[in-house]
Amino acid sequence: MVRIYDLKQKEVINIKDGCRFGFICDIEIDEHCGTVISIIVPGPGRVFGMFGRDQEYKIPWENVCQFGDDIILVDVDTRRVLRECDD
């Protein structure tokens, strides 16, 4: 069993290109069946990351490959999972 808090402590890394996305900031859940739809990681920051973010990586749950002690491996096309933030 894994808690959301535990997931937020693991770094997300793409096995396709070695990109280090960062740490999970949110999780999208289907409220009707209670399943995880995607994990959300903050995207690249604006102006050296000092003034917030307007993009995030929304990684579908089916693209999560493996959980390690301190990392989560995913297999995604980085450009396809980078989205504008929903406010």
C-alpha atoms as a PDB file:
ATOM      1  CA  MET A   1       0.000   0.000   0.000  1.00  0.00           C
ATOM      2  CA  VAL A   2       1.253   3.488  -0.889  1.00  0.00           C
ATOM      3  CA  ARG A   3      -0.037   6.761   0.539  1.00  0.00           C
ATOM      4  CA  ILE A   4      -0.260   9.998  -1.407  1.00  0.00           C
ATOM      5  CA  TYR A   5       2.274  11.529   0.980  1.00  0.00           C
ATOM      6  CA  ASP A   6       4.730   8.745   0.087  1.00  0.00           C
ATOM      7  CA  LEU A   7       4.223   9.365  -3.643  1.00  0.00           C
ATOM      8  CA  LYS A   8       4.982  13.074  -3.204  1.00  0.00           C
ATOM      9  CA  GLN A   9       8.393  12.163  -1.738  1.00  0.00           C
ATOM     10  CA  LYS A  10       9.502  10.284  -4.883  1.00  0.00           C
ATOM     11  CA  GLU A  11      11.109  11.900  -7.920  1.00  0.00           C
ATOM     12  CA  VAL A  12       9.473  11.179 -11.300  1.00  0.00           C
ATOM     13  CA  ILE A  13      11.916  10.144 -14.045  1.00  0.00           C
ATOM     14  CA  ASN A  14      11.137   9.353 -17.687  1.00  0.00           C
ATOM     15  CA  ILE A  15      12.768   6.119 -18.903  1.00  0.00           C
ATOM     16  CA  LYS A  16      12.340   7.197 -22.526  1.00  0.00           C
ATOM     17  CA  ASP A  17      14.746  10.141 -22.403  1.00  0.00           C
ATOM     18  CA  GLY A  18      16.053  10.303 -18.823  1.00  0.00           C
ATOM     19  CA  CYS A  19      14.183  13.549 -18.126  1.00  0.00           C
ATOM     20  CA  ARG A  20      13.796  14.299 -14.417  1.00  0.00           C
ATOM     21  CA  PHE A  21      10.331  15.822 -14.071  1.00  0.00           C
ATOM     22  CA  GLY A  22      10.531  16.514 -10.350  1.00  0.00           C
ATOM     23  CA  PHE A  23       8.179  15.557  -7.540  1.00  0.00           C
ATOM     24  CA  ILE A  24       4.440  14.916  -7.663  1.00  0.00           C
ATOM     25  CA  CYS A  25       2.378  17.924  -6.612  1.00  0.00           C
ATOM     26  CA  ASP A  26      -1.094  16.503  -7.258  1.00  0.00           C
ATOM     27  CA  ILE A  27      -2.998  13.402  -8.315  1.00  0.00           C
ATOM     28  CA  GLU A  28      -6.091  13.245 -10.506  1.00  0.00           C
ATOM     29  CA  ILE A  29      -8.652  10.670  -9.328  1.00  0.00           C
ATOM     30  CA  ASP A  30     -11.863   9.433 -10.962  1.00  0.00           C
ATOM     31  CA  GLU A  31     -14.378  10.240  -8.238  1.00  0.00           C
ATOM     32  CA  HIS A  32     -16.908   7.665  -9.455  1.00  0.00           C
ATOM     33  CA  CYS A  33     -14.690   4.581  -9.328  1.00  0.00           C
ATOM     34  CA  GLY A  34     -11.903   5.859  -7.060  1.00  0.00           C
ATOM     35  CA  THR A  35      -9.050   5.074  -9.449  1.00  0.00           C
ATOM     36  CA  VAL A  36      -6.009   7.241 -10.142  1.00  0.00           C
ATOM     37  CA  ILE A  37      -6.191   8.829 -13.607  1.00  0.00           C
ATOM     38  CA  SER A  38      -2.908  10.732 -13.647  1.00  0.00           C
ATOM     39  CA  ILE A  39      -0.083  12.157 -11.600  1.00  0.00           C
ATOM     40  CA  ILE A  40       0.760  15.827 -11.900  1.00  0.00           C
ATOM     41  CA  VAL A  41       4.259  17.278 -11.616  1.00  0.00           C
ATOM     42  CA  PRO A  42       5.049  21.023 -11.818  1.00  0.00           C
ATOM     43  CA  GLY A  43       6.405  22.053 -15.211  1.00  0.00           C
ATOM     44  CA  PRO A  44       9.378  24.247 -15.995  1.00  0.00           C
ATOM     45  CA  GLY A  45       9.351  27.563 -14.130  1.00  0.00           C
ATOM     46  CA  ARG A  46       9.203  30.999 -15.673  1.00  0.00           C
ATOM     47  CA  VAL A  47      12.214  33.313 -15.425  1.00  0.00           C
ATOM     48  CA  PHE A  48      14.546  30.951 -13.576  1.00  0.00           C
ATOM     49  CA  GLY A  49      11.576  29.411 -11.692  1.00  0.00           C
ATOM     50  CA  MET A  50      11.151  32.437  -9.432  1.00  0.00           C
ATOM     51  CA  PHE A  51       7.748  33.672 -10.553  1.00  0.00           C
ATOM     52  CA  GLY A  52       5.550  30.599 -10.507  1.00  0.00           C
ATOM     53  CA  ARG A  53       4.640  28.127 -13.196  1.00  0.00           C
ATOM     54  CA  ASP A  54       2.063  28.088 -15.963  1.00  0.00           C
ATOM     55  CA  GLN A  55       2.690  24.546 -17.162  1.00  0.00           C
ATOM     56  CA  GLU A  56       2.595  21.113 -15.572  1.00  0.00           C
ATOM     57  CA  TYR A  57       3.314  17.543 -16.568  1.00  0.00           C
ATOM     58  CA  LYS A  58       0.099  15.502 -16.518  1.00  0.00           C
ATOM     59  CA  ILE A  59       1.252  11.885 -16.701  1.00  0.00           C
ATOM     60  CA  PRO A  60      -1.423   9.235 -17.299  1.00  0.00           C
ATOM     61  CA  TRP A  61      -1.442   6.488 -14.666  1.00  0.00           C
ATOM     62  CA  GLU A  62      -1.045   3.789 -17.329  1.00  0.00           C
ATOM     63  CA  ASN A  63       2.353   5.317 -18.207  1.00  0.00           C
ATOM     64  CA  VAL A  64       3.713   4.734 -14.706  1.00  0.00           C
ATOM     65  CA  CYS A  65       6.123   1.796 -15.076  1.00  0.00           C
ATOM     66  CA  GLN A  66       7.631   1.173 -11.665  1.00  0.00           C
ATOM     67  CA  PHE A  67       7.926   2.500  -8.135  1.00  0.00           C
ATOM     68  CA  GLY A  68      11.319   2.483  -6.433  1.00  0.00           C
ATOM     69  CA  ASP A  69      12.315   3.472  -2.921  1.00  0.00           C
ATOM     70  CA  ASP A  70      12.813   7.093  -3.941  1.00  0.00           C
ATOM     71  CA  ILE A  71      11.793   7.331  -7.628  1.00  0.00           C
ATOM     72  CA  ILE A  72       8.846   6.676  -9.908  1.00  0.00           C
ATOM     73  CA  LEU A  73       9.694   5.575 -13.450  1.00  0.00           C
ATOM     74  CA  VAL A  74       7.357   6.645 -16.249  1.00  0.00           C
ATOM     75  CA  ASP A  75       7.390   6.069 -20.016  1.00  0.00           C
ATOM     76  CA  VAL A  76       6.027   9.152 -21.818  1.00  0.00           C
ATOM     77  CA  ASP A  77       6.710  11.585 -24.635  1.00  0.00           C
ATOM     78  CA  THR A  78       7.704  14.657 -22.602  1.00  0.00           C
ATOM     79  CA  ARG A  79       6.147  17.132 -25.068  1.00  0.00           C
ATOM     80  CA  ARG A  80       2.781  15.361 -24.989  1.00  0.00           C
ATOM     81  CA  VAL A  81       2.376  15.418 -21.220  1.00  0.00           C
ATOM     82  CA  LEU A  82       3.350  19.090 -20.759  1.00  0.00           C
ATOM     83  CA  ARG A  83       0.117  21.064 -20.383  1.00  0.00           C
ATOM     84  CA  GLU A  84      -1.059  24.507 -19.376  1.00  0.00           C
ATOM     85  CA  CYS A  85      -2.007  24.616 -15.700  1.00  0.00           C
ATOM     86  CA  ASP A  86      -5.690  24.483 -14.797  1.00  0.00           C
ATOM     87  CA  ASP A  87      -6.439  27.307 -12.397  1.00  0.00           C
END
